[in-house]
Amino acid sequence: MLALDNLIVGAIFTDSLLFKRSLMQMFADSASAQIPQEILHSAYYGKAWRIVTFVWAAVYIIFAIVLILLKACNLKIVGLIDMLASWPLMVILFIFTLKFPGWYWKKNHAKIEAEK
């Protein structure tokens, strides 16, 4: 059941990539972050959030596969591994989500300026 939860969450993140605004971009847009207008109106704004959404999807799907493989090996500690690995993964994903877009926009600053 633990793997199924992770797989469903991963699928939700993946499916959101089919829409104009990914799930993480919707979260970012609803937050009151101070993002410069030049970035908000550039293609790189959406690209950064699509990359973040993809990373979240990949992490959840890979973690689900790992749990399924552990369960298939008949290891009784699957629940313990899920509990011990889940919170560090979540912390890493949150830090990545906070840091990556700013780095990405800074890295592509010249391209963003050229879009004007």
N, C-alpha and C. Protein backbone atom coordinates (compact mmCIF):
# COMPACT_ATOMS: atom_id res chain seq x y z
N MET A 1 0.81 -1.19 0.00
CA MET A 1 0.00 0.00 0.00
C MET A 1 0.86 1.26 0.00
N LEU A 2 2.02 1.21 0.69
CA LEU A 2 2.90 2.37 0.74
C LEU A 2 3.39 2.75 -0.65
N ALA A 3 3.75 1.74 -1.44
CA ALA A 3 4.25 2.00 -2.78
C ALA A 3 3.15 2.58 -3.66
N LEU A 4 1.93 2.13 -3.46
CA LEU A 4 0.81 2.63 -4.26
C LEU A 4 0.59 4.12 -4.00
N ASP A 5 0.67 4.55 -2.75
CA ASP A 5 0.53 5.97 -2.42
C ASP A 5 1.58 6.80 -3.15
N ASN A 6 2.82 6.35 -3.09
CA ASN A 6 3.91 7.07 -3.76
C ASN A 6 3.73 7.08 -5.28
N LEU A 7 3.27 5.96 -5.82
CA LEU A 7 3.04 5.87 -7.26
C LEU A 7 1.93 6.81 -7.70
N ILE A 8 0.87 6.91 -6.92
CA ILE A 8 -0.24 7.81 -7.25
C ILE A 8 0.22 9.27 -7.21
N VAL A 9 0.96 9.63 -6.18
CA VAL A 9 1.47 11.01 -6.09
C VAL A 9 2.40 11.30 -7.27
N GLY A 10 3.27 10.36 -7.59
CA GLY A 10 4.16 10.53 -8.75
C GLY A 10 3.37 10.69 -10.04
N ALA A 11 2.30 9.92 -10.19
CA ALA A 11 1.47 10.02 -11.39
C ALA A 11 0.75 11.37 -11.46
N ILE A 12 0.33 11.89 -10.32
CA ILE A 12 -0.33 13.20 -10.29
C ILE A 12 0.65 14.29 -10.75
N PHE A 13 1.88 14.25 -10.23
CA PHE A 13 2.88 15.22 -10.66
C PHE A 13 3.18 15.06 -12.15
N THR A 14 3.31 13.82 -12.62
CA THR A 14 3.59 13.56 -14.03
C THR A 14 2.44 14.05 -14.90
N ASP A 15 1.22 13.74 -14.53
CA ASP A 15 0.05 14.17 -15.30
C ASP A 15 -0.05 15.69 -15.39
N SER A 16 0.37 16.38 -14.34
CA SER A 16 0.27 17.84 -14.36
C SER A 16 1.19 18.45 -15.42
N LEU A 17 2.19 17.70 -15.86
CA LEU A 17 3.09 18.19 -16.91
C LEU A 17 2.40 18.26 -18.27
N LEU A 18 1.24 17.63 -18.38
CA LEU A 18 0.48 17.67 -19.63
C LEU A 18 -0.29 18.98 -19.81
N PHE A 19 -0.39 19.75 -18.75
CA PHE A 19 -1.13 21.01 -18.79
C PHE A 19 -0.19 22.20 -18.97
N LYS A 20 -0.76 23.34 -19.30
CA LYS A 20 0.04 24.54 -19.52
C LYS A 20 0.84 24.92 -18.27
N ARG A 21 0.20 24.83 -17.11
CA ARG A 21 0.87 25.13 -15.84
C ARG A 21 0.97 23.83 -15.04
N SER A 22 2.20 23.47 -14.68
CA SER A 22 2.41 22.25 -13.90
C SER A 22 1.92 22.46 -12.46
N LEU A 23 1.83 21.38 -11.73
CA LEU A 23 1.35 21.43 -10.35
C LEU A 23 2.20 22.36 -9.49
N MET A 24 3.52 22.27 -9.61
CA MET A 24 4.38 23.13 -8.80
C MET A 24 4.26 24.59 -9.21
N GLN A 25 4.01 24.85 -10.49
CA GLN A 25 3.81 26.24 -10.91
C GLN A 25 2.51 26.78 -10.33
N MET A 26 1.49 25.96 -10.26
CA MET A 26 0.23 26.40 -9.65
C MET A 26 0.44 26.74 -8.18
N PHE A 27 1.22 25.90 -7.48
CA PHE A 27 1.54 26.21 -6.08
C PHE A 27 2.33 27.51 -5.98
N ALA A 28 3.32 27.67 -6.86
CA ALA A 28 4.16 28.87 -6.84
C ALA A 28 3.33 30.12 -7.15
N ASP A 29 2.44 30.01 -8.12
CA ASP A 29 1.61 31.16 -8.50
C ASP A 29 0.67 31.57 -7.37
N SER A 30 0.24 30.62 -6.57
CA SER A 30 -0.68 30.94 -5.48
C SER A 30 0.06 31.47 -4.25
N ALA A 31 1.37 31.27 -4.20
CA ALA A 31 2.18 31.82 -3.10
C ALA A 31 2.44 33.30 -3.39
N SER A 32 2.75 34.03 -2.38
CA SER A 32 2.97 35.47 -2.57
C SER A 32 4.46 35.78 -2.66
N ALA A 33 5.17 35.05 -3.51
CA ALA A 33 6.62 35.26 -3.67
C ALA A 33 6.86 36.52 -4.51
N GLN A 34 7.93 37.20 -4.21
CA GLN A 34 8.32 38.41 -4.94
C GLN A 34 9.23 38.00 -6.11
N ILE A 35 8.64 37.74 -7.25
CA ILE A 35 9.39 37.35 -8.44
C ILE A 35 9.32 38.50 -9.44
N PRO A 36 10.46 38.94 -9.95
CA PRO A 36 10.45 40.04 -10.90
C PRO A 36 9.56 39.77 -12.12
N GLN A 37 8.91 40.80 -12.61
CA GLN A 37 7.99 40.67 -13.75
C GLN A 37 8.69 40.09 -14.98
N GLU A 38 9.95 40.46 -15.20
CA GLU A 38 10.66 39.95 -16.39
C GLU A 38 10.77 38.43 -16.35
N ILE A 39 10.89 37.86 -15.15
CA ILE A 39 10.96 36.40 -15.03
C ILE A 39 9.56 35.81 -15.16
N LEU A 40 8.59 36.43 -14.50
CA LEU A 40 7.21 35.93 -14.57
C LEU A 40 6.70 35.83 -16.00
N HIS A 41 7.10 36.74 -16.85
CA HIS A 41 6.59 36.77 -18.21
C HIS A 41 7.50 36.07 -19.21
N SER A 42 8.57 35.45 -18.73
CA SER A 42 9.47 34.73 -19.62
C SER A 42 9.09 33.25 -19.68
N ALA A 43 9.56 32.60 -20.72
CA ALA A 43 9.32 31.15 -20.85
C ALA A 43 10.06 30.37 -19.77
N TYR A 44 11.11 30.98 -19.22
CA TYR A 44 11.93 30.29 -18.23
C TYR A 44 11.23 30.16 -16.88
N TYR A 45 10.23 30.98 -16.63
CA TYR A 45 9.46 30.86 -15.39
C TYR A 45 8.75 29.50 -15.37
N GLY A 46 8.01 29.20 -16.43
CA GLY A 46 7.30 27.92 -16.51
C GLY A 46 8.24 26.74 -16.62
N LYS A 47 9.35 26.93 -17.36
CA LYS A 47 10.32 25.83 -17.53
C LYS A 47 10.90 25.40 -16.19
N ALA A 48 11.23 26.37 -15.35
CA ALA A 48 11.81 26.04 -14.03
C ALA A 48 10.83 25.20 -13.23
N TRP A 49 9.56 25.59 -13.22
CA TRP A 49 8.57 24.85 -12.44
C TRP A 49 8.25 23.50 -13.06
N ARG A 50 8.38 23.37 -14.38
CA ARG A 50 8.18 22.08 -15.02
C ARG A 50 9.31 21.12 -14.61
N ILE A 51 10.53 21.64 -14.54
CA ILE A 51 11.66 20.81 -14.11
C ILE A 51 11.46 20.37 -12.67
N VAL A 52 11.05 21.29 -11.81
CA VAL A 52 10.81 20.96 -10.40
C VAL A 52 9.71 19.90 -10.30
N THR A 53 8.63 20.08 -11.05
CA THR A 53 7.53 19.11 -11.03
C THR A 53 8.00 17.74 -11.50
N PHE A 54 8.82 17.72 -12.56
CA PHE A 54 9.35 16.45 -13.06
C PHE A 54 10.21 15.75 -12.01
N VAL A 55 11.03 16.51 -11.30
CA VAL A 55 11.89 15.92 -10.27
C VAL A 55 11.03 15.31 -9.16
N TRP A 56 9.99 16.03 -8.72
CA TRP A 56 9.09 15.48 -7.70
C TRP A 56 8.46 14.18 -8.21
N ALA A 57 7.98 14.18 -9.45
CA ALA A 57 7.36 12.98 -10.01
C ALA A 57 8.35 11.83 -10.05
N ALA A 58 9.55 12.10 -10.53
CA ALA A 58 10.57 11.05 -10.64
C ALA A 58 10.93 10.46 -9.28
N VAL A 59 11.11 11.32 -8.29
CA VAL A 59 11.47 10.84 -6.95
C VAL A 59 10.36 9.94 -6.39
N TYR A 60 9.12 10.38 -6.51
CA TYR A 60 8.01 9.57 -5.98
C TYR A 60 7.89 8.24 -6.72
N ILE A 61 8.03 8.26 -8.05
CA ILE A 61 7.89 7.02 -8.82
C ILE A 61 9.06 6.07 -8.53
N ILE A 62 10.28 6.59 -8.48
CA ILE A 62 11.44 5.75 -8.17
C ILE A 62 11.32 5.16 -6.77
N PHE A 63 10.88 5.97 -5.81
CA PHE A 63 10.71 5.48 -4.44
C PHE A 63 9.64 4.38 -4.40
N ALA A 64 8.57 4.54 -5.16
CA ALA A 64 7.53 3.51 -5.23
C ALA A 64 8.09 2.21 -5.80
N ILE A 65 8.90 2.31 -6.83
CA ILE A 65 9.51 1.12 -7.44
C ILE A 65 10.44 0.43 -6.45
N VAL A 66 11.22 1.21 -5.72
CA VAL A 66 12.11 0.63 -4.70
C VAL A 66 11.29 -0.12 -3.65
N LEU A 67 10.20 0.49 -3.20
CA LEU A 67 9.35 -0.18 -2.19
C LEU A 67 8.73 -1.46 -2.75
N ILE A 68 8.32 -1.42 -4.01
CA ILE A 68 7.73 -2.62 -4.65
C ILE A 68 8.78 -3.73 -4.74
N LEU A 69 10.00 -3.37 -5.13
CA LEU A 69 11.07 -4.37 -5.22
C LEU A 69 11.41 -4.96 -3.84
N LEU A 70 11.43 -4.11 -2.84
CA LEU A 70 11.70 -4.61 -1.48
C LEU A 70 10.59 -5.54 -1.02
N LYS A 71 9.36 -5.18 -1.35
CA LYS A 71 8.21 -6.03 -0.98
C LYS A 71 8.28 -7.35 -1.74
N ALA A 72 8.69 -7.29 -3.01
CA ALA A 72 8.81 -8.51 -3.82
C ALA A 72 9.89 -9.44 -3.28
N CYS A 73 10.91 -8.85 -2.66
CA CYS A 73 11.98 -9.65 -2.04
C CYS A 73 11.54 -10.19 -0.69
N ASN A 74 10.32 -9.87 -0.32
CA ASN A 74 9.72 -10.35 0.92
C ASN A 74 10.44 -9.83 2.16
N LEU A 75 10.97 -8.62 2.05
CA LEU A 75 11.60 -8.01 3.22
C LEU A 75 10.52 -7.44 4.13
N LYS A 76 10.61 -7.74 5.39
CA LYS A 76 9.59 -7.32 6.36
C LYS A 76 9.81 -5.88 6.84
N ILE A 77 10.91 -5.27 6.43
CA ILE A 77 11.23 -3.93 6.92
C ILE A 77 10.83 -2.83 5.93
N VAL A 78 9.97 -3.15 4.97
CA VAL A 78 9.56 -2.17 3.96
C VAL A 78 8.95 -0.94 4.63
N GLY A 79 8.08 -1.15 5.61
CA GLY A 79 7.46 -0.03 6.32
C GLY A 79 8.48 0.84 7.04
N LEU A 80 9.46 0.20 7.64
CA LEU A 80 10.52 0.95 8.34
C LEU A 80 11.36 1.75 7.34
N ILE A 81 11.70 1.13 6.21
CA ILE A 81 12.48 1.85 5.18
C ILE A 81 11.68 3.02 4.65
N ASP A 82 10.38 2.81 4.42
CA ASP A 82 9.52 3.89 3.94
C ASP A 82 9.51 5.04 4.95
N MET A 83 9.35 4.72 6.21
CA MET A 83 9.30 5.75 7.26
C MET A 83 10.64 6.49 7.37
N LEU A 84 11.74 5.76 7.36
CA LEU A 84 13.06 6.38 7.53
C LEU A 84 13.52 7.15 6.30
N ALA A 85 13.08 6.75 5.11
CA ALA A 85 13.53 7.43 3.89
C ALA A 85 12.59 8.55 3.47
N SER A 86 11.33 8.47 3.85
CA SER A 86 10.33 9.45 3.39
C SER A 86 10.65 10.87 3.83
N TRP A 87 10.92 11.07 5.10
CA TRP A 87 11.11 12.45 5.55
C TRP A 87 12.39 13.08 5.02
N PRO A 88 13.52 12.33 4.92
CA PRO A 88 14.70 12.97 4.31
C PRO A 88 14.47 13.32 2.83
N LEU A 89 13.76 12.45 2.11
CA LEU A 89 13.45 12.75 0.72
C LEU A 89 12.59 14.00 0.61
N MET A 90 11.62 14.13 1.51
CA MET A 90 10.74 15.31 1.49
C MET A 90 11.53 16.58 1.78
N VAL A 91 12.43 16.52 2.74
CA VAL A 91 13.26 17.69 3.06
C VAL A 91 14.12 18.07 1.85
N ILE A 92 14.72 17.08 1.22
CA ILE A 92 15.55 17.34 0.04
C ILE A 92 14.72 17.94 -1.09
N LEU A 93 13.51 17.41 -1.30
CA LEU A 93 12.64 17.95 -2.34
C LEU A 93 12.23 19.39 -2.04
N PHE A 94 11.93 19.69 -0.79
CA PHE A 94 11.56 21.06 -0.43
C PHE A 94 12.73 22.02 -0.64
N ILE A 95 13.93 21.61 -0.24
CA ILE A 95 15.11 22.46 -0.43
C ILE A 95 15.35 22.67 -1.93
N PHE A 96 15.26 21.60 -2.70
CA PHE A 96 15.41 21.69 -4.15
C PHE A 96 14.38 22.66 -4.74
N THR A 97 13.14 22.55 -4.28
CA THR A 97 12.07 23.40 -4.79
C THR A 97 12.31 24.87 -4.46
N LEU A 98 12.88 25.13 -3.32
CA LEU A 98 13.16 26.52 -2.93
C LEU A 98 14.38 27.09 -3.65
N LYS A 99 15.38 26.27 -3.89
CA LYS A 99 16.65 26.77 -4.43
C LYS A 99 16.74 26.72 -5.96
N PHE A 100 16.21 25.67 -6.57
CA PHE A 100 16.43 25.46 -8.00
C PHE A 100 15.89 26.59 -8.89
N PRO A 101 14.65 27.04 -8.72
CA PRO A 101 14.16 28.07 -9.65
C PRO A 101 15.02 29.32 -9.67
N GLY A 102 15.44 29.83 -8.53
CA GLY A 102 16.30 31.01 -8.49
C GLY A 102 17.62 30.78 -9.20
N TRP A 103 18.22 29.63 -8.98
CA TRP A 103 19.47 29.29 -9.67
C TRP A 103 19.24 29.22 -11.17
N TYR A 104 18.15 28.58 -11.59
CA TYR A 104 17.83 28.40 -13.00
C TYR A 104 17.61 29.75 -13.68
N TRP A 105 16.88 30.64 -13.01
CA TRP A 105 16.61 31.95 -13.60
C TRP A 105 17.89 32.78 -13.68
N LYS A 106 18.72 32.66 -12.66
CA LYS A 106 19.99 33.41 -12.67
C LYS A 106 20.89 32.88 -13.78
N LYS A 107 20.95 31.56 -13.93
CA LYS A 107 21.77 30.93 -14.97
C LYS A 107 21.31 31.38 -16.36
N ASN A 108 20.03 31.57 -16.55
CA ASN A 108 19.45 31.94 -17.85
C ASN A 108 19.09 33.43 -17.93
N HIS A 109 19.69 34.22 -17.08
CA HIS A 109 19.35 35.65 -17.03
C HIS A 109 19.54 36.34 -18.40
N ALA A 110 20.62 36.05 -19.08
CA ALA A 110 20.87 36.68 -20.39
C ALA A 110 19.78 36.30 -21.39
N LYS A 111 19.34 35.06 -21.36
CA LYS A 111 18.29 34.60 -22.28
C LYS A 111 16.96 35.25 -21.92
N ILE A 112 16.71 35.43 -20.62
CA ILE A 112 15.48 36.08 -20.17
C ILE A 112 15.48 37.53 -20.64
N GLU A 113 16.62 38.20 -20.50
CA GLU A 113 16.75 39.60 -20.96
C GLU A 113 16.54 39.69 -22.46
N ALA A 114 17.01 38.71 -23.20
CA ALA A 114 16.88 38.72 -24.67
C ALA A 114 15.43 38.52 -25.11
N GLU A 115 14.61 37.92 -24.26
CA GLU A 115 13.19 37.70 -24.60
C GLU A 115 12.38 38.99 -24.61
N LYS A 116 12.88 40.01 -23.94
CA LYS A 116 12.11 41.26 -23.82
C LYS A 116 11.78 41.88 -25.15
